[in-house]
C-alpha atoms as a PDB file:
ATOM      1  CA  MET A   1      40.102  43.644  48.318  1.00  0.00           C
ATOM      2  CA  VAL A   2      38.565  46.927  47.180  1.00  0.00           C
ATOM      3  CA  PHE A   3      35.292  45.999  48.873  1.00  0.00           C
ATOM      4  CA  LEU A   4      36.940  46.282  52.257  1.00  0.00           C
ATOM      5  CA  PHE A   5      37.104  50.050  51.855  1.00  0.00           C
ATOM      6  CA  ILE A   6      33.453  50.696  50.981  1.00  0.00           C
ATOM      7  CA  GLY A   7      31.887  52.830  53.672  1.00  0.00           C
ATOM      8  CA  THR A   8      28.404  54.013  54.512  1.00  0.00           C
ATOM      9  CA  GLN A   9      28.628  57.062  52.274  1.00  0.00           C
ATOM     10  CA  GLU A  10      29.588  54.971  49.258  1.00  0.00           C
ATOM     11  CA  ILE A  11      26.736  52.517  49.852  1.00  0.00           C
ATOM     12  CA  ILE A  12      24.230  55.377  50.126  1.00  0.00           C
ATOM     13  CA  LEU A  13      25.583  56.877  46.900  1.00  0.00           C
ATOM     14  CA  ILE A  14      25.258  53.527  45.093  1.00  0.00           C
ATOM     15  CA  LEU A  15      21.677  53.103  46.334  1.00  0.00           C
ATOM     16  CA  LEU A  16      20.777  56.627  45.171  1.00  0.00           C
ATOM     17  CA  VAL A  17      22.202  55.932  41.716  1.00  0.00           C
ATOM     18  CA  ILE A  18      20.173  52.712  41.501  1.00  0.00           C
ATOM     19  CA  LEU A  19      17.057  54.613  42.576  1.00  0.00           C
ATOM     20  CA  VAL A  20      17.611  57.236  39.889  1.00  0.00           C
ATOM     21  CA  LEU A  21      18.341  54.674  37.157  1.00  0.00           C
ATOM     22  CA  PHE A  22      15.466  52.273  37.828  1.00  0.00           C
ATOM     23  CA  GLY A  23      12.900  54.431  39.600  1.00  0.00           C
ATOM     24  CA  ALA A  24      11.006  53.716  42.796  1.00  0.00           C
ATOM     25  CA  LYS A  25       8.373  51.545  41.082  1.00  0.00           C
ATOM     26  CA  LYS A  26      10.824  49.100  39.494  1.00  0.00           C
ATOM     27  CA  ILE A  27      12.958  48.382  42.556  1.00  0.00           C
ATOM     28  CA  PRO A  28      10.366  46.188  44.372  1.00  0.00           C
ATOM     29  CA  GLU A  29       9.847  44.202  41.164  1.00  0.00           C
ATOM     30  CA  LEU A  30      13.592  43.708  40.801  1.00  0.00           C
ATOM     31  CA  MET A  31      13.942  42.589  44.425  1.00  0.00           C
ATOM     32  CA  ARG A  32      10.970  40.227  44.105  1.00  0.00           C
ATOM     33  CA  GLY A  33      12.538  38.628  41.040  1.00  0.00           C
ATOM     34  CA  LEU A  34      15.887  38.368  42.781  1.00  0.00           C
ATOM     35  CA  GLY A  35      14.245  36.721  45.792  1.00  0.00           C
ATOM     36  CA  LYS A  36      12.480  34.166  43.599  1.00  0.00           C
ATOM     37  CA  GLY A  37      15.732  33.397  41.839  1.00  0.00           C
ATOM     38  CA  VAL A  38      17.580  32.858  45.108  1.00  0.00           C
ATOM     39  CA  LYS A  39      14.753  30.641  46.424  1.00  0.00           C
ATOM     40  CA  GLU A  40      14.766  28.505  43.282  1.00  0.00           C
ATOM     41  CA  PHE A  41      18.544  28.214  43.468  1.00  0.00           C
ATOM     42  CA  LYS A  42      18.407  27.062  47.102  1.00  0.00           C
ATOM     43  CA  ASP A  43      15.604  24.611  46.313  1.00  0.00           C
ATOM     44  CA  GLY A  44      17.625  23.263  43.410  1.00  0.00           C
ATOM     45  CA  MET A  45      20.668  22.821  45.628  1.00  0.00           C
ATOM     46  CA  ASN A  46      18.562  20.954  48.176  1.00  0.00           C
ATOM     47  CA  GLY A  47      17.022  18.775  45.472  1.00  0.00           C
ATOM     48  CA  ILE A  48      13.486  19.999  46.032  1.00  0.00           C
ATOM     49  CA  GLY A  49      12.869  21.169  42.465  1.00  0.00           C
ATOM     50  CA  THR A  50      10.398  23.628  41.052  1.00  0.00           C
ATOM     51  CA  GLU A  51       6.617  23.580  41.120  1.00  0.00           C
ATOM     52  CA  SER A  52       6.413  22.467  37.489  1.00  0.00           C
ATOM     53  CA  GLU A  53       8.720  19.534  38.216  1.00  0.00           C
ATOM     54  CA  LYS A  54       6.520  18.520  41.154  1.00  0.00           C
ATOM     55  CA  LYS A  55       3.407  18.640  38.958  1.00  0.00           C
ATOM     56  CA  ASP A  56       5.140  16.543  36.303  1.00  0.00           C
ATOM     57  CA  GLU A  57       6.128  13.968  38.912  1.00  0.00           C
ATOM     58  CA  ASP A  58       2.549  13.844  40.240  1.00  0.00           C
ATOM     59  CA  LYS A  59       1.203  13.255  36.726  1.00  0.00           C
ATOM     60  CA  LYS A  60       3.724  10.440  36.179  1.00  0.00           C
ATOM     61  CA  ASP A  61       2.713   8.813  39.462  1.00  0.00           C
ATOM     62  CA  ASP A  62      -0.988   9.022  38.546  1.00  0.00           C
ATOM     63  CA  THR A  63      -0.451   7.423  35.139  1.00  0.00           C
ATOM     64  CA  GLN A  64       1.639   4.603  36.579  1.00  0.00           C
ATOM     65  CA  LYS A  65      -1.039   3.543  39.097  1.00  0.00           C
END
């Protein structure tokens, strides 16, 4: 329930603290990693799987033919 009271000023303060702690160069890397993690999670939920799993399945199909 505390999150209901977070305003614009608090969000800006949190973002500034993150900027100071991690630096401007690390933030894009962190966001990129977070985006990849979310994409893999969604793919896993949809049953698509990862690239390595797809390659393994292709190799199995080739050996079975």
